[in-house]
Amino acid sequence: MTSDMNRAGRVFVSLDGQRVDVKAEGIDYGFGVPKLTELVGGDRLHGFSGEPQPAFISFTITDHRDLDLEQLFQMQDVTVTAELFSGKVLVLSKASNTGDPQGKSTDGAVALRYVGISLKEIKP
């Protein structure tokens, strides 16, 4: 059970049910809402223009012997689930890996970015 005081920190990420080891910096995510830009005239604000944005979750994992990196890099149409310390769950649907497919031997860091059709927030 989560406390009302839990805000940030731990996160667990699964790719089609397969849990991966997320590094301490956590995750970044976007809901895919349009990015608004103001349209300013010489006299006042005239309105806004909207630019579509993709829904995404990006994070860095730690590589280990049994992890199939090539499979992670090639994943398409997967469900990405992130369980946050606050008790919220983020679900990214029909996602594909669009990140730069590379890792680091110094600390086993592998950056992943999954872009999907929608990101839903499930509150506890």
Protein backbone atom coordinates (compact mmCIF):
# COMPACT_ATOMS: atom_id res chain seq x y z
CA MET A 1 0.00 0.00 0.00
CA THR A 2 1.33 3.45 -0.82
CA SER A 3 1.36 6.40 1.52
CA ASP A 4 -0.21 9.73 0.60
CA MET A 5 3.29 11.13 1.16
CA ASN A 6 4.89 9.02 -1.59
CA ARG A 7 5.57 11.35 -4.50
CA ALA A 8 8.66 10.32 -6.44
CA GLY A 9 11.47 7.82 -6.43
CA ARG A 10 11.22 4.13 -7.21
CA VAL A 11 9.77 3.01 -10.51
CA PHE A 12 9.20 -0.42 -12.03
CA VAL A 13 8.93 -0.81 -15.82
CA SER A 14 7.65 -3.81 -17.76
CA LEU A 15 7.67 -4.40 -21.52
CA ASP A 16 4.84 -6.76 -22.47
CA GLY A 17 5.04 -8.13 -18.92
CA GLN A 18 8.86 -8.52 -18.86
CA ARG A 19 10.27 -6.39 -16.03
CA VAL A 20 13.50 -4.51 -16.75
CA ASP A 21 15.96 -2.93 -14.31
CA VAL A 22 15.49 0.85 -14.53
CA LYS A 23 18.44 2.98 -13.43
CA ALA A 24 18.12 5.46 -10.56
CA GLU A 25 17.33 8.50 -12.74
CA GLY A 26 13.86 7.06 -13.35
CA ILE A 27 11.70 7.65 -16.40
CA ASP A 28 10.54 10.50 -18.59
CA TYR A 29 7.08 10.40 -20.13
CA GLY A 30 4.68 12.45 -22.20
CA PHE A 31 0.94 12.02 -22.67
CA GLY A 32 0.86 13.07 -26.31
CA VAL A 33 -1.13 16.25 -25.78
CA PRO A 34 -0.62 18.96 -28.41
CA LYS A 35 2.14 21.49 -27.77
CA LEU A 36 0.57 24.94 -27.90
CA THR A 37 2.43 27.95 -29.23
CA GLU A 38 1.08 31.45 -28.75
CA LEU A 39 0.23 33.59 -31.77
CA VAL A 40 1.01 37.15 -30.74
CA GLY A 41 0.06 40.12 -32.88
CA GLY A 42 1.21 43.69 -32.62
CA ASP A 43 -1.69 44.48 -30.33
CA ARG A 44 -2.47 41.36 -28.26
CA LEU A 45 -2.57 37.60 -28.06
CA HIS A 46 -4.36 36.38 -31.19
CA GLY A 47 -4.62 32.73 -30.19
CA PHE A 48 -2.65 29.51 -30.28
CA SER A 49 -1.42 26.99 -32.80
CA GLY A 50 -1.16 23.33 -31.86
CA GLU A 51 1.57 20.87 -32.81
CA PRO A 52 0.93 17.15 -32.29
CA GLN A 53 3.24 15.36 -29.83
CA PRO A 54 3.71 11.60 -29.47
CA ALA A 55 2.91 9.71 -26.28
CA PHE A 56 6.16 8.19 -24.96
CA ILE A 57 8.08 6.66 -22.07
CA SER A 58 11.86 6.82 -22.02
CA PHE A 59 14.25 5.37 -19.46
CA THR A 60 17.68 3.85 -18.99
CA ILE A 61 18.11 0.24 -17.91
CA THR A 62 21.05 -1.75 -16.60
CA ASP A 63 22.19 -4.55 -18.90
CA HIS A 64 22.81 -8.04 -17.54
CA ARG A 65 23.80 -11.45 -18.89
CA ASP A 66 20.28 -12.78 -19.57
CA LEU A 67 18.87 -9.61 -21.16
CA ASP A 68 18.28 -9.77 -24.93
CA LEU A 69 19.11 -6.21 -26.01
CA GLU A 70 18.49 -6.84 -29.69
CA GLN A 71 14.94 -7.93 -28.85
CA LEU A 72 14.36 -4.76 -26.78
CA PHE A 73 15.67 -2.57 -29.60
CA GLN A 74 13.36 -4.22 -32.16
CA MET A 75 10.15 -4.33 -30.07
CA GLN A 76 7.03 -3.04 -31.82
CA ASP A 77 3.36 -2.89 -30.80
CA VAL A 78 4.16 -3.61 -27.14
CA THR A 79 2.55 -2.40 -23.95
CA VAL A 80 4.92 -0.50 -21.65
CA THR A 81 3.84 -0.31 -18.02
CA ALA A 82 5.47 1.93 -15.41
CA GLU A 83 4.56 1.55 -11.74
CA LEU A 84 5.42 4.77 -9.91
CA PHE A 85 6.24 5.14 -6.20
CA SER A 86 3.11 7.28 -5.81
CA GLY A 87 0.99 4.24 -6.66
CA LYS A 88 0.05 5.52 -10.11
CA VAL A 89 0.52 3.24 -13.09
CA LEU A 90 1.31 4.54 -16.59
CA VAL A 91 0.32 2.35 -19.54
CA LEU A 92 1.69 3.12 -23.02
CA SER A 93 -0.19 1.21 -25.74
CA LYS A 94 0.98 -0.08 -29.13
CA ALA A 95 4.49 1.22 -28.52
CA SER A 96 7.63 0.76 -30.56
CA ASN A 97 11.24 1.45 -29.62
CA THR A 98 12.42 4.63 -31.32
CA GLY A 99 15.53 5.21 -29.22
CA ASP A 100 19.15 5.05 -30.27
CA PRO A 101 20.01 1.32 -30.08
CA GLN A 102 23.24 1.40 -28.10
CA GLY A 103 24.58 0.61 -24.67
CA LYS A 104 27.59 1.54 -22.52
CA SER A 105 30.09 -1.00 -21.26
CA THR A 106 31.28 1.23 -18.40
CA ASP A 107 28.08 0.95 -16.34
CA GLY A 108 25.81 -1.31 -18.44
CA ALA A 109 23.49 1.60 -19.24
CA VAL A 110 21.10 1.11 -22.15
CA ALA A 111 18.77 4.00 -23.05
CA LEU A 112 15.33 3.07 -24.40
CA ARG A 113 12.52 5.24 -25.76
CA TYR A 114 9.13 3.80 -26.61
CA VAL A 115 6.56 5.82 -28.55
CA GLY A 116 2.95 4.66 -28.71
CA ILE A 117 -0.57 5.68 -29.63
CA SER A 118 -1.66 6.66 -26.11
CA LEU A 119 -0.41 6.97 -22.55
CA LYS A 120 -3.00 6.40 -19.84
CA GLU A 121 -2.59 7.22 -16.16
CA ILE A 122 -4.22 4.85 -13.69
CA LYS A 123 -4.52 6.33 -10.21
CA PRO A 124 -4.50 4.13 -7.08
